[in-house]
């Protein structure tokens, strides 16, 4: 018997790469699902996710190759689930030069954004 599927990841295939070299704030929409957001900007860049309801079944992948780092936010509504907690609203990569190569993926079930950091920097959840 197979696993029960609660949320269909309808946009799972990688649809492209968006390289940021000049913007400090990017607001994502549900139709951006499947895009890898590659940050090369020299200063910290904040990526704002769509609401969890609009993001149901969607995913976003973030990679940092600039020294400025990345902040991922849900727009301050406490719908992010991360390491050791629920009801966060930000994930910040925070370890100096180790931010280069840091990455995270965010997947929504329609209620929460499950944000999983991997590779590189210390990831700090807040809010």
PDB file of N, CA and C in Angstrom:
ATOM      1  N   UNK A   1       0.841  -1.170   0.000  1.00  0.00           N
ATOM      2  CA  UNK A   1       0.000   0.000   0.000  1.00  0.00           C
ATOM      3  C   UNK A   1       0.889   1.237   0.000  1.00  0.00           C
ATOM      4  N   UNK A   2       0.609   2.168  -0.867  1.00  0.00           N
ATOM      5  CA  UNK A   2       1.402   3.390  -0.973  1.00  0.00           C
ATOM      6  C   UNK A   2       0.996   4.427   0.054  1.00  0.00           C
ATOM      7  N   UNK A   3       1.828   5.412   0.181  1.00  0.00           N
ATOM      8  CA  UNK A   3       1.552   6.505   1.111  1.00  0.00           C
ATOM      9  C   UNK A   3       0.372   7.339   0.616  1.00  0.00           C
ATOM     10  N   UNK A   4      -0.404   7.844   1.554  1.00  0.00           N
ATOM     11  CA  UNK A   4      -1.501   8.743   1.217  1.00  0.00           C
ATOM     12  C   UNK A   4      -0.931  10.109   0.901  1.00  0.00           C
ATOM     13  N   UNK A   5      -1.368  10.680  -0.175  1.00  0.00           N
ATOM     14  CA  UNK A   5      -0.867  11.989  -0.596  1.00  0.00           C
ATOM     15  C   UNK A   5      -1.844  13.061  -0.140  1.00  0.00           C
ATOM     16  N   UNK A   6      -1.395  13.910   0.787  1.00  0.00           N
ATOM     17  CA  UNK A   6      -2.241  14.979   1.303  1.00  0.00           C
ATOM     18  C   UNK A   6      -2.171  16.244   0.461  1.00  0.00           C
ATOM     19  N   UNK A   7      -1.010  16.512  -0.093  1.00  0.00           N
ATOM     20  CA  UNK A   7      -0.811  17.703  -0.916  1.00  0.00           C
ATOM     21  C   UNK A   7      -0.086  17.287  -2.180  1.00  0.00           C
ATOM     22  N   UNK A   8      -0.659  17.591  -3.323  1.00  0.00           N
ATOM     23  CA  UNK A   8      -0.004  17.290  -4.593  1.00  0.00           C
ATOM     24  C   UNK A   8       1.004  18.390  -4.898  1.00  0.00           C
ATOM     25  N   UNK A   9       2.242  18.008  -5.128  1.00  0.00           N
ATOM     26  CA  UNK A   9       3.259  18.980  -5.521  1.00  0.00           C
ATOM     27  C   UNK A   9       3.196  19.116  -7.035  1.00  0.00           C
ATOM     28  N   UNK A  10       2.234  19.881  -7.478  1.00  0.00           N
ATOM     29  CA  UNK A  10       1.938  19.981  -8.902  1.00  0.00           C
ATOM     30  C   UNK A  10       2.988  20.733  -9.694  1.00  0.00           C
ATOM     31  N   UNK A  11       3.834  21.471  -9.017  1.00  0.00           N
ATOM     32  CA  UNK A  11       4.852  22.259  -9.699  1.00  0.00           C
ATOM     33  C   UNK A  11       6.251  21.774  -9.352  1.00  0.00           C
ATOM     34  N   UNK A  12       6.432  20.486  -9.061  1.00  0.00           N
ATOM     35  CA  UNK A  12       7.714  19.988  -8.603  1.00  0.00           C
ATOM     36  C   UNK A  12       8.840  20.107  -9.619  1.00  0.00           C
ATOM     37  N   UNK A  13       8.614  19.950 -10.900  1.00  0.00           N
ATOM     38  CA  UNK A  13       9.731  20.067 -11.828  1.00  0.00           C
ATOM     39  C   UNK A  13      10.392  21.445 -11.739  1.00  0.00           C
ATOM     40  N   UNK A  14      11.705  21.454 -11.867  1.00  0.00           N
ATOM     41  CA  UNK A  14      12.428  22.728 -11.879  1.00  0.00           C
ATOM     42  C   UNK A  14      12.103  23.437 -13.183  1.00  0.00           C
ATOM     43  N   UNK A  15      11.602  24.670 -13.064  1.00  0.00           N
ATOM     44  CA  UNK A  15      11.144  25.414 -14.232  1.00  0.00           C
ATOM     45  C   UNK A  15      12.121  26.479 -14.690  1.00  0.00           C
ATOM     46  N   UNK A  16      13.176  26.710 -13.923  1.00  0.00           N
ATOM     47  CA  UNK A  16      14.144  27.721 -14.329  1.00  0.00           C
ATOM     48  C   UNK A  16      14.915  28.252 -13.145  1.00  0.00           C
ATOM     49  N   UNK A  17      15.831  29.165 -13.438  1.00  0.00           N
ATOM     50  CA  UNK A  17      16.642  29.813 -12.414  1.00  0.00           C
ATOM     51  C   UNK A  17      16.494  31.312 -12.578  1.00  0.00           C
ATOM     52  N   UNK A  18      16.220  31.997 -11.474  1.00  0.00           N
ATOM     53  CA  UNK A  18      16.137  33.452 -11.462  1.00  0.00           C
ATOM     54  C   UNK A  18      17.351  33.969 -10.702  1.00  0.00           C
ATOM     55  N   UNK A  19      18.252  34.672 -11.390  1.00  0.00           N
ATOM     56  CA  UNK A  19      19.481  35.164 -10.773  1.00  0.00           C
ATOM     57  C   UNK A  19      19.295  36.625 -10.381  1.00  0.00           C
ATOM     58  N   UNK A  20      19.463  36.899  -9.086  1.00  0.00           N
ATOM     59  CA  UNK A  20      19.318  38.261  -8.570  1.00  0.00           C
ATOM     60  C   UNK A  20      20.697  38.879  -8.374  1.00  0.00           C
ATOM     61  N   UNK A  21      20.953  39.986  -9.067  1.00  0.00           N
ATOM     62  CA  UNK A  21      22.217  40.698  -8.901  1.00  0.00           C
ATOM     63  C   UNK A  21      22.028  42.127  -8.422  1.00  0.00           C
ATOM     64  N   UNK A  22      20.775  42.596  -8.295  1.00  0.00           N
ATOM     65  CA  UNK A  22      20.604  44.023  -8.019  1.00  0.00           C
ATOM     66  C   UNK A  22      19.381  44.412  -7.201  1.00  0.00           C
ATOM     67  N   UNK A  23      18.709  43.481  -6.547  1.00  0.00           N
ATOM     68  CA  UNK A  23      17.479  43.812  -5.837  1.00  0.00           C
ATOM     69  C   UNK A  23      17.543  43.306  -4.398  1.00  0.00           C
ATOM     70  N   UNK A  24      17.170  44.168  -3.435  1.00  0.00           N
ATOM     71  CA  UNK A  24      17.234  43.807  -2.022  1.00  0.00           C
ATOM     72  C   UNK A  24      15.935  43.226  -1.488  1.00  0.00           C
ATOM     73  N   UNK A  25      14.862  43.253  -2.273  1.00  0.00           N
ATOM     74  CA  UNK A  25      13.570  42.760  -1.808  1.00  0.00           C
ATOM     75  C   UNK A  25      12.800  42.169  -2.984  1.00  0.00           C
ATOM     76  N   UNK A  26      12.412  40.900  -2.852  1.00  0.00           N
ATOM     77  CA  UNK A  26      11.699  40.215  -3.926  1.00  0.00           C
ATOM     78  C   UNK A  26      10.454  39.552  -3.334  1.00  0.00           C
ATOM     79  N   UNK A  27       9.291  39.865  -3.888  1.00  0.00           N
ATOM     80  CA  UNK A  27       8.037  39.259  -3.452  1.00  0.00           C
ATOM     81  C   UNK A  27       7.653  38.179  -4.456  1.00  0.00           C
ATOM     82  N   UNK A  28       7.495  36.959  -3.957  1.00  0.00           N
ATOM     83  CA  UNK A  28       7.174  35.829  -4.819  1.00  0.00           C
ATOM     84  C   UNK A  28       5.665  35.657  -4.934  1.00  0.00           C
ATOM     85  N   UNK A  29       5.229  35.090  -6.047  1.00  0.00           N
ATOM     86  CA  UNK A  29       3.828  34.726  -6.251  1.00  0.00           C
ATOM     87  C   UNK A  29       3.770  33.224  -6.496  1.00  0.00           C
ATOM     88  N   UNK A  30       2.603  32.641  -6.330  1.00  0.00           N
ATOM     89  CA  UNK A  30       2.457  31.191  -6.453  1.00  0.00           C
ATOM     90  C   UNK A  30       2.972  30.670  -7.790  1.00  0.00           C
ATOM     91  N   UNK A  31       2.796  31.437  -8.850  1.00  0.00           N
ATOM     92  CA  UNK A  31       3.239  30.975 -10.174  1.00  0.00           C
ATOM     93  C   UNK A  31       4.759  30.948 -10.314  1.00  0.00           C
ATOM     94  N   UNK A  32       5.498  31.455  -9.317  1.00  0.00           N
ATOM     95  CA  UNK A  32       6.962  31.347  -9.311  1.00  0.00           C
ATOM     96  C   UNK A  32       7.421  29.974  -8.835  1.00  0.00           C
ATOM     97  N   UNK A  33       6.497  29.116  -8.408  1.00  0.00           N
ATOM     98  CA  UNK A  33       6.845  27.793  -7.911  1.00  0.00           C
ATOM     99  C   UNK A  33       7.672  27.036  -8.942  1.00  0.00           C
ATOM    100  N   UNK A  34       8.672  26.318  -8.442  1.00  0.00           N
ATOM    101  CA  UNK A  34       9.514  25.531  -9.333  1.00  0.00           C
ATOM    102  C   UNK A  34      10.729  26.281  -9.838  1.00  0.00           C
ATOM    103  N   UNK A  35      10.862  27.535  -9.450  1.00  0.00           N
ATOM    104  CA  UNK A  35      12.010  28.340  -9.870  1.00  0.00           C
ATOM    105  C   UNK A  35      13.050  28.315  -8.752  1.00  0.00           C
ATOM    106  N   UNK A  36      14.313  28.167  -9.120  1.00  0.00           N
ATOM    107  CA  UNK A  36      15.406  28.299  -8.165  1.00  0.00           C
ATOM    108  C   UNK A  36      15.799  29.767  -8.141  1.00  0.00           C
ATOM    109  N   UNK A  37      15.772  30.366  -6.959  1.00  0.00           N
ATOM    110  CA  UNK A  37      16.145  31.770  -6.805  1.00  0.00           C
ATOM    111  C   UNK A  37      17.593  31.829  -6.345  1.00  0.00           C
ATOM    112  N   UNK A  38      18.456  32.293  -7.251  1.00  0.00           N
ATOM    113  CA  UNK A  38      19.901  32.323  -7.024  1.00  0.00           C
ATOM    114  C   UNK A  38      20.291  33.751  -6.692  1.00  0.00           C
ATOM    115  N   UNK A  39      20.750  33.964  -5.473  1.00  0.00           N
ATOM    116  CA  UNK A  39      21.065  35.316  -5.018  1.00  0.00           C
ATOM    117  C   UNK A  39      22.554  35.617  -5.149  1.00  0.00           C
ATOM    118  N   UNK A  40      22.881  36.616  -5.982  1.00  0.00           N
ATOM    119  CA  UNK A  40      24.262  37.072  -6.137  1.00  0.00           C
ATOM    120  C   UNK A  40      24.416  38.523  -5.699  1.00  0.00           C
ATOM    121  N   UNK A  41      23.380  39.081  -5.095  1.00  0.00           N
ATOM    122  CA  UNK A  41      23.394  40.490  -4.704  1.00  0.00           C
ATOM    123  C   UNK A  41      24.390  40.704  -3.567  1.00  0.00           C
ATOM    124  N   UNK A  42      25.083  41.840  -3.574  1.00  0.00           N
ATOM    125  CA  UNK A  42      26.125  42.127  -2.587  1.00  0.00           C
ATOM    126  C   UNK A  42      25.574  42.412  -1.194  1.00  0.00           C
ATOM    127  N   UNK A  43      24.325  42.822  -1.095  1.00  0.00           N
ATOM    128  CA  UNK A  43      23.695  43.090   0.200  1.00  0.00           C
ATOM    129  C   UNK A  43      22.647  42.017   0.484  1.00  0.00           C
ATOM    130  N   UNK A  44      22.188  41.968   1.727  1.00  0.00           N
ATOM    131  CA  UNK A  44      21.162  40.988   2.089  1.00  0.00           C
ATOM    132  C   UNK A  44      19.905  41.182   1.243  1.00  0.00           C
ATOM    133  N   UNK A  45      19.316  40.085   0.820  1.00  0.00           N
ATOM    134  CA  UNK A  45      18.092  40.119   0.026  1.00  0.00           C
ATOM    135  C   UNK A  45      16.982  39.408   0.792  1.00  0.00           C
ATOM    136  N   UNK A  46      15.817  40.044   0.866  1.00  0.00           N
ATOM    137  CA  UNK A  46      14.651  39.450   1.511  1.00  0.00           C
ATOM    138  C   UNK A  46      13.710  38.914   0.447  1.00  0.00           C
ATOM    139  N   UNK A  47      13.377  37.630   0.564  1.00  0.00           N
ATOM    140  CA  UNK A  47      12.408  36.984  -0.315  1.00  0.00           C
ATOM    141  C   UNK A  47      11.130  36.774   0.490  1.00  0.00           C
ATOM    142  N   UNK A  48      10.011  37.341   0.030  1.00  0.00           N
ATOM    143  CA  UNK A  48       8.732  37.191   0.717  1.00  0.00           C
ATOM    144  C   UNK A  48       7.890  36.146  -0.005  1.00  0.00           C
ATOM    145  N   UNK A  49       7.511  35.107   0.725  1.00  0.00           N
ATOM    146  CA  UNK A  49       6.689  34.031   0.169  1.00  0.00           C
ATOM    147  C   UNK A  49       5.244  34.492   0.020  1.00  0.00           C
ATOM    148  N   UNK A  50       4.489  33.880  -0.909  1.00  0.00           N
ATOM    149  CA  UNK A  50       3.046  34.146  -0.947  1.00  0.00           C
ATOM    150  C   UNK A  50       2.403  33.549   0.308  1.00  0.00           C
ATOM    151  N   UNK A  51       1.143  33.843   0.556  1.00  0.00           N
ATOM    152  CA  UNK A  51       0.480  33.230   1.709  1.00  0.00           C
ATOM    153  C   UNK A  51       0.542  31.713   1.577  1.00  0.00           C
ATOM    154  N   UNK A  52       0.523  31.025   2.711  1.00  0.00           N
ATOM    155  CA  UNK A  52       0.571  29.564   2.677  1.00  0.00           C
ATOM    156  C   UNK A  52      -0.612  28.992   1.906  1.00  0.00           C
ATOM    157  N   UNK A  53      -1.785  29.612   2.017  1.00  0.00           N
ATOM    158  CA  UNK A  53      -2.969  29.133   1.287  1.00  0.00           C
ATOM    159  C   UNK A  53      -2.750  29.216  -0.219  1.00  0.00           C
ATOM    160  N   UNK A  54      -2.198  30.328  -0.687  1.00  0.00           N
ATOM    161  CA  UNK A  54      -1.926  30.469  -2.125  1.00  0.00           C
ATOM    162  C   UNK A  54      -0.783  29.572  -2.572  1.00  0.00           C
ATOM    163  N   UNK A  55       0.075  29.187  -1.631  1.00  0.00           N
ATOM    164  CA  UNK A  55       1.229  28.365  -1.966  1.00  0.00           C
ATOM    165  C   UNK A  55       1.005  26.875  -1.843  1.00  0.00           C
ATOM    166  N   UNK A  56      -0.205  26.431  -1.532  1.00  0.00           N
ATOM    167  CA  UNK A  56      -0.460  25.004  -1.335  1.00  0.00           C
ATOM    168  C   UNK A  56       0.041  24.189  -2.524  1.00  0.00           C
ATOM    169  N   UNK A  57       0.913  23.214  -2.217  1.00  0.00           N
ATOM    170  CA  UNK A  57       1.467  22.359  -3.258  1.00  0.00           C
ATOM    171  C   UNK A  57       2.595  22.999  -4.044  1.00  0.00           C
ATOM    172  N   UNK A  58       3.019  24.176  -3.651  1.00  0.00           N
ATOM    173  CA  UNK A  58       4.082  24.894  -4.364  1.00  0.00           C
ATOM    174  C   UNK A  58       5.388  24.802  -3.576  1.00  0.00           C
ATOM    175  N   UNK A  59       6.501  25.050  -4.270  1.00  0.00           N
ATOM    176  CA  UNK A  59       7.804  25.045  -3.608  1.00  0.00           C
ATOM    177  C   UNK A  59       8.721  26.081  -4.235  1.00  0.00           C
ATOM    178  N   UNK A  60       9.639  26.551  -3.426  1.00  0.00           N
ATOM    179  CA  UNK A  60      10.625  27.541  -3.847  1.00  0.00           C
ATOM    180  C   UNK A  60      11.983  27.118  -3.287  1.00  0.00           C
ATOM    181  N   UNK A  61      13.015  27.251  -4.102  1.00  0.00           N
ATOM    182  CA  UNK A  61      14.360  26.864  -3.707  1.00  0.00           C
ATOM    183  C   UNK A  61      15.215  28.116  -3.747  1.00  0.00           C
ATOM    184  N   UNK A  62      16.000  28.336  -2.700  1.00  0.00           N
ATOM    185  CA  UNK A  62      16.838  29.523  -2.591  1.00  0.00           C
ATOM    186  C   UNK A  62      18.295  29.107  -2.447  1.00  0.00           C
ATOM    187  N   UNK A  63      19.176  29.755  -3.207  1.00  0.00           N
ATOM    188  CA  UNK A  63      20.613  29.504  -3.137  1.00  0.00           C
ATOM    189  C   UNK A  63      21.307  30.854  -3.050  1.00  0.00           C
ATOM    190  N   UNK A  64      22.300  30.957  -2.179  1.00  0.00           N
ATOM    191  CA  UNK A  64      23.034  32.209  -2.033  1.00  0.00           C
ATOM    192  C   UNK A  64      24.471  32.040  -2.501  1.00  0.00           C
ATOM    193  N   UNK A  65      24.918  32.907  -3.391  1.00  0.00           N
ATOM    194  CA  UNK A  65      26.323  32.895  -3.793  1.00  0.00           C
ATOM    195  C   UNK A  65      26.966  34.260  -3.581  1.00  0.00           C
ATOM    196  N   UNK A  66      26.246  35.159  -2.911  1.00  0.00           N
ATOM    197  CA  UNK A  66      26.793  36.470  -2.571  1.00  0.00           C
ATOM    198  C   UNK A  66      27.072  36.542  -1.083  1.00  0.00           C
ATOM    199  N   UNK A  67      27.923  37.472  -0.677  1.00  0.00           N
ATOM    200  CA  UNK A  67      28.281  37.610   0.734  1.00  0.00           C
ATOM    201  C   UNK A  67      27.191  38.293   1.548  1.00  0.00           C
ATOM    202  N   UNK A  68      26.156  38.825   0.886  1.00  0.00           N
ATOM    203  CA  UNK A  68      25.114  39.569   1.583  1.00  0.00           C
ATOM    204  C   UNK A  68      24.111  38.720   2.322  1.00  0.00           C
ATOM    205  N   UNK A  69      23.881  37.508   1.895  1.00  0.00           N
ATOM    206  CA  UNK A  69      22.953  36.629   2.587  1.00  0.00           C
ATOM    207  C   UNK A  69      21.510  36.743   2.125  1.00  0.00           C
ATOM    208  N   UNK A  70      20.678  35.914   2.741  1.00  0.00           N
ATOM    209  CA  UNK A  70      19.268  35.804   2.371  1.00  0.00           C
ATOM    210  C   UNK A  70      18.409  35.810   3.633  1.00  0.00           C
ATOM    211  N   UNK A  71      17.260  36.468   3.540  1.00  0.00           N
ATOM    212  CA  UNK A  71      16.201  36.363   4.541  1.00  0.00           C
ATOM    213  C   UNK A  71      14.967  35.874   3.791  1.00  0.00           C
ATOM    214  N   UNK A  72      14.340  34.808   4.278  1.00  0.00           N
ATOM    215  CA  UNK A  72      13.092  34.309   3.708  1.00  0.00           C
ATOM    216  C   UNK A  72      12.006  34.622   4.728  1.00  0.00           C
ATOM    217  N   UNK A  73      10.921  35.252   4.288  1.00  0.00           N
ATOM    218  CA  UNK A  73       9.848  35.623   5.209  1.00  0.00           C
ATOM    219  C   UNK A  73       8.489  35.221   4.644  1.00  0.00           C
ATOM    220  N   UNK A  74       7.548  35.018   5.554  1.00  0.00           N
ATOM    221  CA  UNK A  74       6.179  34.705   5.139  1.00  0.00           C
ATOM    222  C   UNK A  74       5.299  35.947   5.189  1.00  0.00           C
ATOM    223  N   UNK A  75       5.897  37.113   5.350  1.00  0.00           N
ATOM    224  CA  UNK A  75       5.122  38.346   5.428  1.00  0.00           C
ATOM    225  C   UNK A  75       4.618  38.624   6.839  1.00  0.00           C
ATOM    226  N   UNK A  76       5.292  38.078   7.847  1.00  0.00           N
ATOM    227  CA  UNK A  76       5.009  38.324   9.269  1.00  0.00           C
ATOM    228  C   UNK A  76       3.673  37.772   9.748  1.00  0.00           C
ATOM    229  N   UNK A  77       3.274  36.629   9.245  1.00  0.00           N
ATOM    230  CA  UNK A  77       2.031  36.010   9.713  1.00  0.00           C
ATOM    231  C   UNK A  77       2.272  34.696  10.459  1.00  0.00           C
ATOM    232  N   UNK A  78       3.534  34.385  10.780  1.00  0.00           N
ATOM    233  CA  UNK A  78       3.893  33.221  11.600  1.00  0.00           C
ATOM    234  C   UNK A  78       3.392  31.893  11.055  1.00  0.00           C
ATOM    235  N   UNK A  79       3.627  31.648   9.774  1.00  0.00           N
ATOM    236  CA  UNK A  79       3.197  30.378   9.186  1.00  0.00           C
ATOM    237  C   UNK A  79       4.366  29.509   8.748  1.00  0.00           C
ATOM    238  N   UNK A  80       5.575  29.802   9.251  1.00  0.00           N
ATOM    239  CA  UNK A  80       6.729  28.995   8.880  1.00  0.00           C
ATOM    240  C   UNK A  80       7.018  27.951   9.953  1.00  0.00           C
ATOM    241  N   UNK A  81       7.292  26.728   9.508  1.00  0.00           N
ATOM    242  CA  UNK A  81       7.704  25.645  10.388  1.00  0.00           C
ATOM    243  C   UNK A  81       9.165  25.378  10.076  1.00  0.00           C
ATOM    244  N   UNK A  82       9.988  25.359  11.127  1.00  0.00           N
ATOM    245  CA  UNK A  82      11.413  25.130  10.939  1.00  0.00           C
ATOM    246  C   UNK A  82      11.965  24.274  12.058  1.00  0.00           C
ATOM    247  N   UNK A  83      13.262  24.196  12.126  1.00  0.00           N
ATOM    248  CA  UNK A  83      13.946  23.381  13.112  1.00  0.00           C
ATOM    249  C   UNK A  83      13.471  23.719  14.523  1.00  0.00           C
ATOM    250  N   UNK A  84      12.929  22.746  15.201  1.00  0.00           N
ATOM    251  CA  UNK A  84      12.504  22.863  16.600  1.00  0.00           C
ATOM    252  C   UNK A  84      11.384  23.862  16.849  1.00  0.00           C
ATOM    253  N   UNK A  85      10.556  24.137  15.876  1.00  0.00           N
ATOM    254  CA  UNK A  85       9.477  25.061  16.175  1.00  0.00           C
ATOM    255  C   UNK A  85       8.500  25.293  15.043  1.00  0.00           C
ATOM    256  N   UNK A  86       7.397  25.932  15.419  1.00  0.00           N
ATOM    257  CA  UNK A  86       6.353  26.303  14.484  1.00  0.00           C
ATOM    258  C   UNK A  86       6.006  27.762  14.760  1.00  0.00           C
ATOM    259  N   UNK A  87       5.375  28.417  13.832  1.00  0.00           N
ATOM    260  CA  UNK A  87       4.938  29.811  13.963  1.00  0.00           C
ATOM    261  C   UNK A  87       6.094  30.797  13.897  1.00  0.00           C
ATOM    262  N   UNK A  88       7.078  30.512  13.059  1.00  0.00           N
ATOM    263  CA  UNK A  88       8.125  31.480  12.760  1.00  0.00           C
ATOM    264  C   UNK A  88       7.649  32.352  11.608  1.00  0.00           C
ATOM    265  N   UNK A  89       8.307  33.480  11.393  1.00  0.00           N
ATOM    266  CA  UNK A  89       7.993  34.272  10.207  1.00  0.00           C
ATOM    267  C   UNK A  89       9.216  34.639   9.383  1.00  0.00           C
ATOM    268  N   UNK A  90      10.425  34.242   9.825  1.00  0.00           N
ATOM    269  CA  UNK A  90      11.620  34.496   9.020  1.00  0.00           C
ATOM    270  C   UNK A  90      12.623  33.362   9.154  1.00  0.00           C
ATOM    271  N   UNK A  91      13.431  33.210   8.134  1.00  0.00           N
ATOM    272  CA  UNK A  91      14.633  32.379   8.174  1.00  0.00           C
ATOM    273  C   UNK A  91      15.748  33.266   7.652  1.00  0.00           C
ATOM    274  N   UNK A  92      16.814  33.414   8.442  1.00  0.00           N
ATOM    275  CA  UNK A  92      17.929  34.268   8.062  1.00  0.00           C
ATOM    276  C   UNK A  92      19.201  33.442   8.038  1.00  0.00           C
ATOM    277  N   UNK A  93      19.954  33.535   6.956  1.00  0.00           N
ATOM    278  CA  UNK A  93      21.278  32.927   6.911  1.00  0.00           C
ATOM    279  C   UNK A  93      22.230  33.902   7.569  1.00  0.00           C
ATOM    280  N   UNK A  94      23.038  33.432   8.539  1.00  0.00           N
ATOM    281  CA  UNK A  94      23.701  34.381   9.424  1.00  0.00           C
ATOM    282  C   UNK A  94      25.166  34.133   9.760  1.00  0.00           C
ATOM    283  N   UNK A  95      25.908  33.392   8.999  1.00  0.00           N
ATOM    284  CA  UNK A  95      27.283  33.103   9.383  1.00  0.00           C
ATOM    285  C   UNK A  95      28.286  33.609   8.362  1.00  0.00           C
ATOM    286  N   UNK A  96      28.501  34.902   8.320  1.00  0.00           N
ATOM    287  CA  UNK A  96      29.535  35.528   7.509  1.00  0.00           C
ATOM    288  C   UNK A  96      29.810  34.868   6.181  1.00  0.00           C
ATOM    289  N   UNK A  97      31.067  34.504   5.953  1.00  0.00           N
ATOM    290  CA  UNK A  97      31.463  33.945   4.658  1.00  0.00           C
ATOM    291  C   UNK A  97      30.828  32.588   4.390  1.00  0.00           C
ATOM    292  N   UNK A  98      30.325  31.905   5.423  1.00  0.00           N
ATOM    293  CA  UNK A  98      29.666  30.610   5.231  1.00  0.00           C
ATOM    294  C   UNK A  98      28.318  30.749   4.544  1.00  0.00           C
ATOM    295  N   UNK A  99      27.836  31.997   4.387  1.00  0.00           N
ATOM    296  CA  UNK A  99      26.564  32.197   3.688  1.00  0.00           C
ATOM    297  C   UNK A  99      26.684  31.842   2.214  1.00  0.00           C
ATOM    298  N   UNK A 100      27.902  31.926   1.677  1.00  0.00           N
ATOM    299  CA  UNK A 100      28.100  31.588   0.273  1.00  0.00           C
ATOM    300  C   UNK A 100      27.891  30.083   0.113  1.00  0.00           C
ATOM    301  N   UNK A 101      26.953  29.709  -0.725  1.00  0.00           N
ATOM    302  CA  UNK A 101      26.604  28.310  -0.921  1.00  0.00           C
ATOM    303  C   UNK A 101      25.448  27.837  -0.054  1.00  0.00           C
ATOM    304  N   UNK A 102      24.974  28.693   0.850  1.00  0.00           N
ATOM    305  CA  UNK A 102      23.833  28.327   1.694  1.00  0.00           C
ATOM    306  C   UNK A 102      22.584  28.188   0.827  1.00  0.00           C
ATOM    307  N   UNK A 103      21.675  27.311   1.242  1.00  0.00           N
ATOM    308  CA  UNK A 103      20.467  27.072   0.453  1.00  0.00           C
ATOM    309  C   UNK A 103      19.323  26.662   1.373  1.00  0.00           C
ATOM    310  N   UNK A 104      18.103  26.796   0.870  1.00  0.00           N
ATOM    311  CA  UNK A 104      16.909  26.357   1.597  1.00  0.00           C
ATOM    312  C   UNK A 104      15.806  26.089   0.590  1.00  0.00           C
ATOM    313  N   UNK A 105      14.861  25.261   0.995  1.00  0.00           N
ATOM    314  CA  UNK A 105      13.679  25.014   0.184  1.00  0.00           C
ATOM    315  C   UNK A 105      12.454  25.251   1.068  1.00  0.00           C
ATOM    316  N   UNK A 106      11.417  25.846   0.499  1.00  0.00           N
ATOM    317  CA  UNK A 106      10.162  26.107   1.209  1.00  0.00           C
ATOM    318  C   UNK A 106       9.028  25.419   0.458  1.00  0.00           C
ATOM    319  N   UNK A 107       8.234  24.629   1.187  1.00  0.00           N
ATOM    320  CA  UNK A 107       7.112  23.889   0.604  1.00  0.00           C
ATOM    321  C   UNK A 107       5.874  24.160   1.455  1.00  0.00           C
ATOM    322  N   UNK A 108       4.733  24.440   0.819  1.00  0.00           N
ATOM    323  CA  UNK A 108       3.509  24.741   1.561  1.00  0.00           C
ATOM    324  C   UNK A 108       2.496  23.605   1.475  1.00  0.00           C
ATOM    325  N   UNK A 109       1.831  23.368   2.609  1.00  0.00           N
ATOM    326  CA  UNK A 109       0.720  22.412   2.630  1.00  0.00           C
ATOM    327  C   UNK A 109      -0.627  23.132   2.617  1.00  0.00           C
ATOM    328  N   UNK A 110      -0.592  24.454   2.431  1.00  0.00           N
ATOM    329  CA  UNK A 110      -1.807  25.245   2.418  1.00  0.00           C
ATOM    330  C   UNK A 110      -2.087  25.939   3.742  1.00  0.00           C
ATOM    331  N   UNK A 111      -1.434  25.473   4.810  1.00  0.00           N
ATOM    332  CA  UNK A 111      -1.563  26.091   6.129  1.00  0.00           C
ATOM    333  C   UNK A 111      -0.233  26.663   6.599  1.00  0.00           C
ATOM    334  N   UNK A 112       0.836  25.917   6.364  1.00  0.00           N
ATOM    335  CA  UNK A 112       2.173  26.312   6.793  1.00  0.00           C
ATOM    336  C   UNK A 112       3.163  26.254   5.635  1.00  0.00           C
ATOM    337  N   UNK A 113       4.249  27.003   5.790  1.00  0.00           N
ATOM    338  CA  UNK A 113       5.427  26.873   4.938  1.00  0.00           C
ATOM    339  C   UNK A 113       6.437  26.035   5.711  1.00  0.00           C
ATOM    340  N   UNK A 114       6.818  24.879   5.175  1.00  0.00           N
ATOM    341  CA  UNK A 114       7.859  24.051   5.774  1.00  0.00           C
ATOM    342  C   UNK A 114       9.164  24.471   5.115  1.00  0.00           C
ATOM    343  N   UNK A 115      10.035  25.090   5.905  1.00  0.00           N
ATOM    344  CA  UNK A 115      11.263  25.670   5.363  1.00  0.00           C
ATOM    345  C   UNK A 115      12.442  24.860   5.885  1.00  0.00           C
ATOM    346  N   UNK A 116      13.195  24.273   4.947  1.00  0.00           N
ATOM    347  CA  UNK A 116      14.295  23.390   5.298  1.00  0.00           C
ATOM    348  C   UNK A 116      15.610  23.960   4.789  1.00  0.00           C
ATOM    349  N   UNK A 117      16.443  24.499   5.696  1.00  0.00           N
ATOM    350  CA  UNK A 117      17.746  24.999   5.275  1.00  0.00           C
ATOM    351  C   UNK A 117      18.725  23.839   5.107  1.00  0.00           C
ATOM    352  N   UNK A 118      19.634  23.985   4.175  1.00  0.00           N
ATOM    353  CA  UNK A 118      20.696  23.006   4.012  1.00  0.00           C
ATOM    354  C   UNK A 118      21.893  23.679   3.365  1.00  0.00           C
ATOM    355  N   UNK A 119      23.041  23.099   3.523  1.00  0.00           N
ATOM    356  CA  UNK A 119      24.285  23.556   2.904  1.00  0.00           C
ATOM    357  C   UNK A 119      24.729  24.923   3.383  1.00  0.00           C
ATOM    358  N   UNK A 120      25.814  24.949   4.084  1.00  0.00           N
ATOM    359  CA  UNK A 120      26.452  26.228   4.377  1.00  0.00           C
ATOM    360  C   UNK A 120      26.083  26.848   5.699  1.00  0.00           C
ATOM    361  N   UNK A 121      25.578  28.045   5.648  1.00  0.00           N
ATOM    362  CA  UNK A 121      25.466  28.942   6.796  1.00  0.00           C
ATOM    363  C   UNK A 121      24.545  28.458   7.894  1.00  0.00           C
ATOM    364  N   UNK A 122      24.754  29.027   9.058  1.00  0.00           N
ATOM    365  CA  UNK A 122      23.834  28.844  10.157  1.00  0.00           C
ATOM    366  C   UNK A 122      22.513  29.505   9.783  1.00  0.00           C
ATOM    367  N   UNK A 123      21.440  28.786   9.928  1.00  0.00           N
ATOM    368  CA  UNK A 123      20.115  29.317   9.606  1.00  0.00           C
ATOM    369  C   UNK A 123      19.393  29.611  10.909  1.00  0.00           C
ATOM    370  N   UNK A 124      18.902  30.823  11.064  1.00  0.00           N
ATOM    371  CA  UNK A 124      18.247  31.241  12.290  1.00  0.00           C
ATOM    372  C   UNK A 124      16.787  31.560  11.994  1.00  0.00           C
ATOM    373  N   UNK A 125      15.882  30.819  12.641  1.00  0.00           N
ATOM    374  CA  UNK A 125      14.458  31.107  12.510  1.00  0.00           C
ATOM    375  C   UNK A 125      14.083  32.168  13.527  1.00  0.00           C
ATOM    376  N   UNK A 126      13.149  33.048  13.163  1.00  0.00           N
ATOM    377  CA  UNK A 126      12.733  34.105  14.080  1.00  0.00           C
ATOM    378  C   UNK A 126      11.273  34.446  13.914  1.00  0.00           C
ATOM    379  N   UNK A 127      10.803  35.287  14.814  1.00  0.00           N
ATOM    380  CA  UNK A 127       9.428  35.766  14.734  1.00  0.00           C
ATOM    381  C   UNK A 127       8.590  35.067  15.708  1.00  0.00           C
TER     382      UNK A 127
END
